C-alpha atoms as a PDB file:
ATOM      1  CA  UNK A   1       0.000   0.000   0.000  1.00  0.00           C
ATOM      2  CA  UNK A   2       1.374   3.417  -0.960  1.00  0.00           C
ATOM      3  CA  UNK A   3       1.630   5.742   2.027  1.00  0.00           C
ATOM      4  CA  UNK A   4      -0.115   9.104   2.082  1.00  0.00           C
ATOM      5  CA  UNK A   5       3.231  10.912   2.057  1.00  0.00           C
ATOM      6  CA  UNK A   6       4.428   8.936  -0.958  1.00  0.00           C
ATOM      7  CA  UNK A   7       1.143   9.578  -2.744  1.00  0.00           C
ATOM      8  CA  UNK A   8       1.479  13.309  -2.028  1.00  0.00           C
ATOM      9  CA  UNK A   9       5.045  13.259  -3.346  1.00  0.00           C
ATOM     10  CA  UNK A  10       3.877  11.580  -6.567  1.00  0.00           C
ATOM     11  CA  UNK A  11       1.334  14.387  -7.051  1.00  0.00           C
ATOM     12  CA  UNK A  12       4.043  16.994  -6.410  1.00  0.00           C
ATOM     13  CA  UNK A  13       6.337  15.304  -8.939  1.00  0.00           C
ATOM     14  CA  UNK A  14       3.538  15.328 -11.516  1.00  0.00           C
ATOM     15  CA  UNK A  15       3.062  19.066 -10.972  1.00  0.00           C
ATOM     16  CA  UNK A  16       6.796  19.452 -11.502  1.00  0.00           C
ATOM     17  CA  UNK A  17       6.127  18.773 -15.191  1.00  0.00           C
ATOM     18  CA  UNK A  18       3.347  21.378 -15.328  1.00  0.00           C
ATOM     19  CA  UNK A  19       4.730  24.593 -16.805  1.00  0.00           C
ATOM     20  CA  UNK A  20       1.357  26.270 -17.241  1.00  0.00           C
ATOM     21  CA  UNK A  21      -2.170  25.655 -16.065  1.00  0.00           C
ATOM     22  CA  UNK A  22      -5.700  26.901 -16.670  1.00  0.00           C
ATOM     23  CA  UNK A  23      -8.915  25.937 -14.883  1.00  0.00           C
ATOM     24  CA  UNK A  24     -12.340  27.140 -13.881  1.00  0.00           C
ATOM     25  CA  UNK A  25     -12.186  28.091 -10.213  1.00  0.00           C
ATOM     26  CA  UNK A  26     -14.870  28.484  -7.589  1.00  0.00           C
ATOM     27  CA  UNK A  27     -14.206  29.595  -4.011  1.00  0.00           C
ATOM     28  CA  UNK A  28     -16.718  29.172  -1.189  1.00  0.00           C
ATOM     29  CA  UNK A  29     -16.037  30.675   2.227  1.00  0.00           C
ATOM     30  CA  UNK A  30     -18.059  30.598   5.430  1.00  0.00           C
ATOM     31  CA  UNK A  31     -18.211  33.962   7.188  1.00  0.00           C
ATOM     32  CA  UNK A  32     -20.221  33.865  10.378  1.00  0.00           C
ATOM     33  CA  UNK A  33     -23.533  32.222   9.556  1.00  0.00           C
ATOM     34  CA  UNK A  34     -23.294  33.065   5.844  1.00  0.00           C
ATOM     35  CA  UNK A  35     -21.325  31.956   2.811  1.00  0.00           C
ATOM     36  CA  UNK A  36     -19.494  33.948   0.144  1.00  0.00           C
ATOM     37  CA  UNK A  37     -18.975  32.352  -3.267  1.00  0.00           C
ATOM     38  CA  UNK A  38     -16.607  33.557  -5.988  1.00  0.00           C
ATOM     39  CA  UNK A  39     -16.102  32.157  -9.492  1.00  0.00           C
ATOM     40  CA  UNK A  40     -13.577  32.773 -12.221  1.00  0.00           C
ATOM     41  CA  UNK A  41     -10.749  31.398 -14.344  1.00  0.00           C
ATOM     42  CA  UNK A  42      -7.299  30.751 -12.896  1.00  0.00           C
ATOM     43  CA  UNK A  43      -4.082  30.861 -14.951  1.00  0.00           C
ATOM     44  CA  UNK A  44      -0.643  29.823 -13.718  1.00  0.00           C
ATOM     45  CA  UNK A  45       2.746  29.793 -15.418  1.00  0.00           C
ATOM     46  CA  UNK A  46       5.894  28.358 -13.895  1.00  0.00           C
ATOM     47  CA  UNK A  47       7.601  29.520 -11.806  1.00  0.00           C
ATOM     48  CA  UNK A  48       5.776  32.507 -10.331  1.00  0.00           C
ATOM     49  CA  UNK A  49       2.998  33.991 -12.480  1.00  0.00           C
ATOM     50  CA  UNK A  50      -0.639  33.625 -11.510  1.00  0.00           C
ATOM     51  CA  UNK A  51      -3.857  35.366 -12.470  1.00  0.00           C
ATOM     52  CA  UNK A  52      -7.516  34.927 -11.569  1.00  0.00           C
ATOM     53  CA  UNK A  53     -10.164  36.680 -13.663  1.00  0.00           C
ATOM     54  CA  UNK A  54     -13.421  36.603 -11.742  1.00  0.00           C
ATOM     55  CA  UNK A  55     -16.906  36.546 -13.182  1.00  0.00           C
ATOM     56  CA  UNK A  56     -18.306  36.666  -9.641  1.00  0.00           C
ATOM     57  CA  UNK A  57     -17.591  39.324  -8.445  1.00  0.00           C
ATOM     58  CA  UNK A  58     -17.609  40.544 -12.028  1.00  0.00           C
ATOM     59  CA  UNK A  59     -14.346  42.101 -13.280  1.00  0.00           C
ATOM     60  CA  UNK A  60     -12.435  41.424 -10.059  1.00  0.00           C
ATOM     61  CA  UNK A  61      -8.828  40.388 -10.749  1.00  0.00           C
ATOM     62  CA  UNK A  62      -5.972  38.899  -8.751  1.00  0.00           C
ATOM     63  CA  UNK A  63      -2.609  38.962 -10.529  1.00  0.00           C
ATOM     64  CA  UNK A  64       0.851  37.841  -9.408  1.00  0.00           C
ATOM     65  CA  UNK A  65       3.794  38.655 -11.650  1.00  0.00           C
ATOM     66  CA  UNK A  66       6.518  37.238  -9.405  1.00  0.00           C
ATOM     67  CA  UNK A  67       7.536  40.703  -8.282  1.00  0.00           C
ATOM     68  CA  UNK A  68       4.129  42.176  -7.466  1.00  0.00           C
ATOM     69  CA  UNK A  69       0.692  41.130  -6.259  1.00  0.00           C
ATOM     70  CA  UNK A  70      -2.249  43.134  -7.576  1.00  0.00           C
ATOM     71  CA  UNK A  71      -5.898  42.875  -6.507  1.00  0.00           C
ATOM     72  CA  UNK A  72      -8.544  44.925  -8.296  1.00  0.00           C
ATOM     73  CA  UNK A  73     -11.852  45.381  -6.459  1.00  0.00           C
ATOM     74  CA  UNK A  74     -14.339  46.843  -8.950  1.00  0.00           C
ATOM     75  CA  UNK A  75     -17.107  47.389  -6.372  1.00  0.00           C
ATOM     76  CA  UNK A  76     -14.837  49.795  -4.467  1.00  0.00           C
ATOM     77  CA  UNK A  77     -12.925  50.971  -7.578  1.00  0.00           C
ATOM     78  CA  UNK A  78      -9.737  50.160  -5.664  1.00  0.00           C
ATOM     79  CA  UNK A  79      -6.556  48.385  -6.743  1.00  0.00           C
ATOM     80  CA  UNK A  80      -4.296  47.032  -3.992  1.00  0.00           C
ATOM     81  CA  UNK A  81      -0.676  46.362  -4.898  1.00  0.00           C
ATOM     82  CA  UNK A  82       2.130  44.697  -2.995  1.00  0.00           C
ATOM     83  CA  UNK A  83       5.812  44.326  -3.810  1.00  0.00           C
ATOM     84  CA  UNK A  84       6.587  40.695  -3.022  1.00  0.00           C
ATOM     85  CA  UNK A  85       9.344  39.080  -1.079  1.00  0.00           C
ATOM     86  CA  UNK A  86      11.083  36.136  -2.702  1.00  0.00           C
ATOM     87  CA  UNK A  87       8.751  33.091  -2.966  1.00  0.00           C
ATOM     88  CA  UNK A  88       5.918  35.166  -1.515  1.00  0.00           C
ATOM     89  CA  UNK A  89       3.534  33.955  -4.196  1.00  0.00           C
ATOM     90  CA  UNK A  90       3.771  30.373  -2.951  1.00  0.00           C
ATOM     91  CA  UNK A  91       0.564  30.590  -0.905  1.00  0.00           C
ATOM     92  CA  UNK A  92      -1.482  31.486  -3.974  1.00  0.00           C
ATOM     93  CA  UNK A  93       0.341  28.999  -6.161  1.00  0.00           C
ATOM     94  CA  UNK A  94       0.322  26.092  -3.700  1.00  0.00           C
ATOM     95  CA  UNK A  95      -2.694  24.544  -5.400  1.00  0.00           C
ATOM     96  CA  UNK A  96      -1.181  24.482  -8.871  1.00  0.00           C
ATOM     97  CA  UNK A  97       2.615  24.231  -8.549  1.00  0.00           C
ATOM     98  CA  UNK A  98       5.190  21.751  -7.301  1.00  0.00           C
ATOM     99  CA  UNK A  99       6.947  24.558  -5.387  1.00  0.00           C
ATOM    100  CA  UNK A 100       3.782  25.314  -3.449  1.00  0.00           C
ATOM    101  CA  UNK A 101       3.151  21.637  -2.764  1.00  0.00           C
ATOM    102  CA  UNK A 102       6.692  21.274  -1.427  1.00  0.00           C
ATOM    103  CA  UNK A 103       5.952  24.080   1.040  1.00  0.00           C
ATOM    104  CA  UNK A 104       2.774  22.312   2.129  1.00  0.00           C
ATOM    105  CA  UNK A 105       4.773  19.151   2.801  1.00  0.00           C
ATOM    106  CA  UNK A 106       7.176  21.094   5.031  1.00  0.00           C
ATOM    107  CA  UNK A 107       4.409  22.862   6.935  1.00  0.00           C
ATOM    108  CA  UNK A 108       1.861  20.066   7.346  1.00  0.00           C
ATOM    109  CA  UNK A 109       1.660  16.450   8.446  1.00  0.00           C
ATOM    110  CA  UNK A 110       0.036  14.347   5.712  1.00  0.00           C
ATOM    111  CA  UNK A 111      -2.306  11.377   5.954  1.00  0.00           C
ATOM    112  CA  UNK A 112      -5.251   9.844   4.164  1.00  0.00           C
ATOM    113  CA  UNK A 113      -8.647  11.237   5.125  1.00  0.00           C
ATOM    114  CA  UNK A 114     -10.112   7.726   5.341  1.00  0.00           C
ATOM    115  CA  UNK A 115      -7.836   5.406   3.369  1.00  0.00           C
ATOM    116  CA  UNK A 116      -5.881   5.003   0.122  1.00  0.00           C
ATOM    117  CA  UNK A 117      -8.814   3.784  -1.989  1.00  0.00           C
ATOM    118  CA  UNK A 118     -10.548   6.330  -4.259  1.00  0.00           C
ATOM    119  CA  UNK A 119     -13.903   7.629  -3.023  1.00  0.00           C
ATOM    120  CA  UNK A 120     -16.611   9.817  -4.504  1.00  0.00           C
ATOM    121  CA  UNK A 121     -15.834  13.526  -4.413  1.00  0.00           C
ATOM    122  CA  UNK A 122     -19.091  14.188  -2.566  1.00  0.00           C
ATOM    123  CA  UNK A 123     -22.496  12.667  -2.044  1.00  0.00           C
ATOM    124  CA  UNK A 124     -24.311  12.285  -5.351  1.00  0.00           C
ATOM    125  CA  UNK A 125     -21.112  12.618  -7.402  1.00  0.00           C
ATOM    126  CA  UNK A 126     -19.736   9.882  -9.661  1.00  0.00           C
ATOM    127  CA  UNK A 127     -16.270  11.482  -9.717  1.00  0.00           C
ATOM    128  CA  UNK A 128     -13.626   9.419  -7.904  1.00  0.00           C
ATOM    129  CA  UNK A 129     -10.790  11.066  -6.003  1.00  0.00           C
ATOM    130  CA  UNK A 130      -8.153  10.200  -3.423  1.00  0.00           C
ATOM    131  CA  UNK A 131      -8.587  12.319  -0.301  1.00  0.00           C
ATOM    132  CA  UNK A 132      -5.696  13.486   1.859  1.00  0.00           C
ATOM    133  CA  UNK A 133      -5.805  15.305   5.186  1.00  0.00           C
ATOM    134  CA  UNK A 134      -3.089  17.846   5.988  1.00  0.00           C
ATOM    135  CA  UNK A 135      -2.679  19.114   9.581  1.00  0.00           C
ATOM    136  CA  UNK A 136      -0.564  22.149  10.380  1.00  0.00           C
ATOM    137  CA  UNK A 137       2.693  21.556  12.238  1.00  0.00           C
ATOM    138  CA  UNK A 138       2.818  25.098  13.600  1.00  0.00           C
ATOM    139  CA  UNK A 139       0.432  28.034  13.834  1.00  0.00           C
ATOM    140  CA  UNK A 140       2.570  29.882  11.288  1.00  0.00           C
ATOM    141  CA  UNK A 141       0.747  28.071   8.479  1.00  0.00           C
ATOM    142  CA  UNK A 142      -2.172  29.704   6.718  1.00  0.00           C
ATOM    143  CA  UNK A 143      -4.674  26.946   7.543  1.00  0.00           C
ATOM    144  CA  UNK A 144      -5.229  24.612  10.486  1.00  0.00           C
ATOM    145  CA  UNK A 145      -6.020  21.728   8.183  1.00  0.00           C
ATOM    146  CA  UNK A 146      -6.582  21.039   4.509  1.00  0.00           C
ATOM    147  CA  UNK A 147      -8.617  18.277   2.898  1.00  0.00           C
ATOM    148  CA  UNK A 148      -7.149  17.690  -0.560  1.00  0.00           C
ATOM    149  CA  UNK A 149      -9.017  15.718  -3.235  1.00  0.00           C
ATOM    150  CA  UNK A 150      -6.839  14.405  -6.073  1.00  0.00           C
ATOM    151  CA  UNK A 151      -8.318  12.993  -9.285  1.00  0.00           C
ATOM    152  CA  UNK A 152      -7.147   9.918 -11.176  1.00  0.00           C
ATOM    153  CA  UNK A 153      -5.152  12.246 -13.455  1.00  0.00           C
ATOM    154  CA  UNK A 154      -2.985  13.371 -10.474  1.00  0.00           C
ATOM    155  CA  UNK A 155      -4.522  16.863 -10.621  1.00  0.00           C
ATOM    156  CA  UNK A 156      -5.976  18.517  -7.547  1.00  0.00           C
ATOM    157  CA  UNK A 157      -9.723  18.738  -7.926  1.00  0.00           C
ATOM    158  CA  UNK A 158     -10.666  20.310  -4.591  1.00  0.00           C
ATOM    159  CA  UNK A 159      -9.052  21.804  -1.503  1.00  0.00           C
ATOM    160  CA  UNK A 160     -11.186  22.335   1.587  1.00  0.00           C
ATOM    161  CA  UNK A 161      -9.368  24.307   4.265  1.00  0.00           C
ATOM    162  CA  UNK A 162     -10.029  25.397   7.841  1.00  0.00           C
ATOM    163  CA  UNK A 163      -8.595  28.765   8.857  1.00  0.00           C
ATOM    164  CA  UNK A 164      -7.101  29.635  12.236  1.00  0.00           C
ATOM    165  CA  UNK A 165     -10.408  31.398  12.982  1.00  0.00           C
ATOM    166  CA  UNK A 166     -12.267  28.113  12.311  1.00  0.00           C
ATOM    167  CA  UNK A 167     -13.797  29.336   9.054  1.00  0.00           C
ATOM    168  CA  UNK A 168     -14.042  27.003   6.073  1.00  0.00           C
ATOM    169  CA  UNK A 169     -12.753  27.852   2.587  1.00  0.00           C
ATOM    170  CA  UNK A 170     -13.263  25.511  -0.362  1.00  0.00           C
ATOM    171  CA  UNK A 171     -11.444  25.754  -3.710  1.00  0.00           C
ATOM    172  CA  UNK A 172     -12.849  23.769  -6.629  1.00  0.00           C
ATOM    173  CA  UNK A 173     -10.973  23.323  -9.922  1.00  0.00           C
ATOM    174  CA  UNK A 174     -12.841  22.178 -13.038  1.00  0.00           C
ATOM    175  CA  UNK A 175     -12.020  21.905 -16.742  1.00  0.00           C
ATOM    176  CA  UNK A 176      -8.307  21.761 -15.992  1.00  0.00           C
ATOM    177  CA  UNK A 177      -5.888  22.172 -18.906  1.00  0.00           C
ATOM    178  CA  UNK A 178      -2.117  21.945 -18.521  1.00  0.00           C
ATOM    179  CA  UNK A 179       0.863  22.839 -20.703  1.00  0.00           C
ATOM    180  CA  UNK A 180      -1.093  24.938 -23.205  1.00  0.00           C
ATOM    181  CA  UNK A 181       1.746  27.450 -23.843  1.00  0.00           C
ATOM    182  CA  UNK A 182      -0.007  30.329 -22.128  1.00  0.00           C
ATOM    183  CA  UNK A 183       1.755  33.559 -23.244  1.00  0.00           C
ATOM    184  CA  UNK A 184       3.368  35.853 -20.680  1.00  0.00           C
ATOM    185  CA  UNK A 185       1.077  38.697 -21.767  1.00  0.00           C
ATOM    186  CA  UNK A 186      -1.820  36.830 -20.112  1.00  0.00           C
ATOM    187  CA  UNK A 187      -0.336  37.960 -16.801  1.00  0.00           C
ATOM    188  CA  UNK A 188      -0.100  41.628 -17.781  1.00  0.00           C
ATOM    189  CA  UNK A 189      -2.859  43.558 -16.043  1.00  0.00           C
ATOM    190  CA  UNK A 190      -3.517  47.269 -15.767  1.00  0.00           C
ATOM    191  CA  UNK A 191      -6.321  48.422 -13.506  1.00  0.00           C
ATOM    192  CA  UNK A 192      -8.697  51.141 -14.725  1.00  0.00           C
ATOM    193  CA  UNK A 193      -7.230  54.622 -14.473  1.00  0.00           C
ATOM    194  CA  UNK A 194     -10.141  55.632 -12.233  1.00  0.00           C
ATOM    195  CA  UNK A 195      -9.171  53.078  -9.556  1.00  0.00           C
ATOM    196  CA  UNK A 196      -7.671  54.352  -6.297  1.00  0.00           C
ATOM    197  CA  UNK A 197      -4.383  52.571  -5.558  1.00  0.00           C
ATOM    198  CA  UNK A 198      -3.396  51.285  -2.132  1.00  0.00           C
ATOM    199  CA  UNK A 199       0.295  50.365  -2.204  1.00  0.00           C
ATOM    200  CA  UNK A 200       1.971  47.669  -0.084  1.00  0.00           C
ATOM    201  CA  UNK A 201      -1.220  46.832   1.812  1.00  0.00           C
ATOM    202  CA  UNK A 202       0.305  43.725   3.440  1.00  0.00           C
ATOM    203  CA  UNK A 203       3.800  44.842   4.509  1.00  0.00           C
ATOM    204  CA  UNK A 204       6.535  47.298   3.675  1.00  0.00           C
ATOM    205  CA  UNK A 205       8.827  45.916   0.945  1.00  0.00           C
ATOM    206  CA  UNK A 206      12.441  45.127   1.728  1.00  0.00           C
ATOM    207  CA  UNK A 207      14.846  47.917   0.918  1.00  0.00           C
END
């Protein structure tokens, strides 16, 4: 029987051969007694470019160029930018890159959710996945635990995470296409000139 750690490593190795990636993305998050749902298309290009074009909220964009993170919030007509530290994009890219998966392995203990045999993704689904459970080693990690569902094609289909505040966030990836030669210009984004810019909203960049 393959161990959960070895299975995770095989998934990470598979993603090592992924130099670009496109998928439909949906994000569901519990906030208090309610739920917020976002939908869009995610693009990734090795080693450090990522972009999400949302259709819900409409026209919202998250873009990582490797040197800068940019978030455009059309409802507020605000663009937030952040000069990144080295490898700072790994949290966003952890679902679609071998580098991010390597960081998850270092920060989390890994086991099967129930066992090594494939199970249905959810009740009523005919899609089979292997489910892993990742538990944080220290409170420095972004999530307490992560339930990762991996399809037969070695691609991550779903990640269900529990935050330190005990809120649930679920990422679903559908219609996944890899190694499609996505051009670099896909990751060029310029917010509307009318948008108010908030610079370095997370931390002050290193000198």
